[in-house]
Amino acid sequence: MVVGRPSGTGGRRVTIRARSAGLAHSDADLVEFLRRAGLPDAEDLLDDPAWVHWQEGPPHTYGPN
């Protein structure tokens, strides 16, 4: 999963396997995207760089910079 940089209006674009998963406004959104991709216990994966790549900006931050 790639979590893009925080947008100027809030939220981060998310892609999974090079396909758009949507716009995340919280960790709960990311967990839901991963659940839809077939990973039901995704909460533990958000801080694992093997699963989630956070681009430009600190992890778990979704508001505008």
C-alpha atoms as a PDB file:
ATOM      1  CA  MET A   1       0.000   0.000   0.000  1.00  0.00           C
ATOM      2  CA  VAL A   2       1.221   3.490  -0.815  1.00  0.00           C
ATOM      3  CA  VAL A   3      -0.191   6.365   1.209  1.00  0.00           C
ATOM      4  CA  GLY A   4       0.422   9.586  -0.702  1.00  0.00           C
ATOM      5  CA  ARG A   5       1.355  12.931   0.750  1.00  0.00           C
ATOM      6  CA  PRO A   6      -1.295  14.872   2.691  1.00  0.00           C
ATOM      7  CA  SER A   7      -3.332  17.026   0.317  1.00  0.00           C
ATOM      8  CA  GLY A   8      -3.893  20.734   0.821  1.00  0.00           C
ATOM      9  CA  THR A   9      -7.545  20.083   1.645  1.00  0.00           C
ATOM     10  CA  GLY A  10      -6.954  17.048   3.867  1.00  0.00           C
ATOM     11  CA  GLY A  11      -6.757  13.339   3.234  1.00  0.00           C
ATOM     12  CA  ARG A  12      -4.188  11.178   1.491  1.00  0.00           C
ATOM     13  CA  ARG A  13      -4.548   9.253  -1.773  1.00  0.00           C
ATOM     14  CA  VAL A  14      -4.063   5.525  -1.307  1.00  0.00           C
ATOM     15  CA  THR A  15      -3.027   2.907  -3.839  1.00  0.00           C
ATOM     16  CA  ILE A  16      -2.855  -0.833  -3.379  1.00  0.00           C
ATOM     17  CA  ARG A  17      -1.031  -2.898  -5.994  1.00  0.00           C
ATOM     18  CA  ALA A  18      -0.880   0.192  -8.255  1.00  0.00           C
ATOM     19  CA  ARG A  19      -4.688   0.619  -8.159  1.00  0.00           C
ATOM     20  CA  SER A  20      -6.439   3.524  -6.508  1.00  0.00           C
ATOM     21  CA  ALA A  21      -8.100   2.517  -3.244  1.00  0.00           C
ATOM     22  CA  GLY A  22      -9.476   5.962  -2.420  1.00  0.00           C
ATOM     23  CA  LEU A  23      -8.834   8.948  -0.206  1.00  0.00           C
ATOM     24  CA  ALA A  24      -8.008   8.256   3.445  1.00  0.00           C
ATOM     25  CA  HIS A  25      -8.844  10.743   6.185  1.00  0.00           C
ATOM     26  CA  SER A  26      -7.837   8.452   9.064  1.00  0.00           C
ATOM     27  CA  ASP A  27      -6.112   5.215   9.972  1.00  0.00           C
ATOM     28  CA  ALA A  28      -9.580   3.627  10.064  1.00  0.00           C
ATOM     29  CA  ASP A  29      -9.911   4.379   6.347  1.00  0.00           C
ATOM     30  CA  LEU A  30      -6.584   2.655   5.661  1.00  0.00           C
ATOM     31  CA  VAL A  31      -7.637  -0.383   7.669  1.00  0.00           C
ATOM     32  CA  GLU A  32     -10.867  -0.542   5.667  1.00  0.00           C
ATOM     33  CA  PHE A  33      -8.984  -0.330   2.341  1.00  0.00           C
ATOM     34  CA  LEU A  34      -6.712  -3.175   3.460  1.00  0.00           C
ATOM     35  CA  ARG A  35      -9.703  -5.213   4.652  1.00  0.00           C
ATOM     36  CA  ARG A  36     -11.296  -4.823   1.216  1.00  0.00           C
ATOM     37  CA  ALA A  37      -8.019  -6.004  -0.304  1.00  0.00           C
ATOM     38  CA  GLY A  38      -8.267  -9.216   1.740  1.00  0.00           C
ATOM     39  CA  LEU A  39      -6.273  -8.381   4.889  1.00  0.00           C
ATOM     40  CA  PRO A  40      -8.753  -8.535   7.789  1.00  0.00           C
ATOM     41  CA  ASP A  41      -6.211  -7.845  10.582  1.00  0.00           C
ATOM     42  CA  ALA A  42      -4.693  -4.747   8.996  1.00  0.00           C
ATOM     43  CA  GLU A  43      -4.356  -2.569  12.117  1.00  0.00           C
ATOM     44  CA  ASP A  44      -0.975  -4.109  12.878  1.00  0.00           C
ATOM     45  CA  LEU A  45       0.331  -3.445   9.354  1.00  0.00           C
ATOM     46  CA  LEU A  46       0.120   0.358   9.279  1.00  0.00           C
ATOM     47  CA  ASP A  47       3.568   0.812  10.844  1.00  0.00           C
ATOM     48  CA  ASP A  48       5.204  -2.017   8.914  1.00  0.00           C
ATOM     49  CA  PRO A  49       7.188  -0.598   5.969  1.00  0.00           C
ATOM     50  CA  ALA A  50       6.945  -3.967   4.228  1.00  0.00           C
ATOM     51  CA  TRP A  51       3.184  -3.343   3.892  1.00  0.00           C
ATOM     52  CA  VAL A  52       2.664   0.432   3.980  1.00  0.00           C
ATOM     53  CA  HIS A  53       4.810   3.134   2.372  1.00  0.00           C
ATOM     54  CA  TRP A  54       4.037   6.624   3.704  1.00  0.00           C
ATOM     55  CA  GLN A  55       5.039   9.325   1.197  1.00  0.00           C
ATOM     56  CA  GLU A  56       5.998  12.895   2.091  1.00  0.00           C
ATOM     57  CA  GLY A  57       4.762  13.622   5.544  1.00  0.00           C
ATOM     58  CA  PRO A  58       4.590  11.859   8.850  1.00  0.00           C
ATOM     59  CA  PRO A  59       2.611   8.635   9.137  1.00  0.00           C
ATOM     60  CA  HIS A  60      -0.905   8.836  10.587  1.00  0.00           C
ATOM     61  CA  THR A  61      -1.284  12.507   9.595  1.00  0.00           C
ATOM     62  CA  TYR A  62      -4.136  13.300   7.220  1.00  0.00           C
ATOM     63  CA  GLY A  63      -4.779  17.026   7.505  1.00  0.00           C
ATOM     64  CA  PRO A  64      -3.438  19.759   5.265  1.00  0.00           C
ATOM     65  CA  ASN A  65       0.161  20.843   5.854  1.00  0.00           C
END
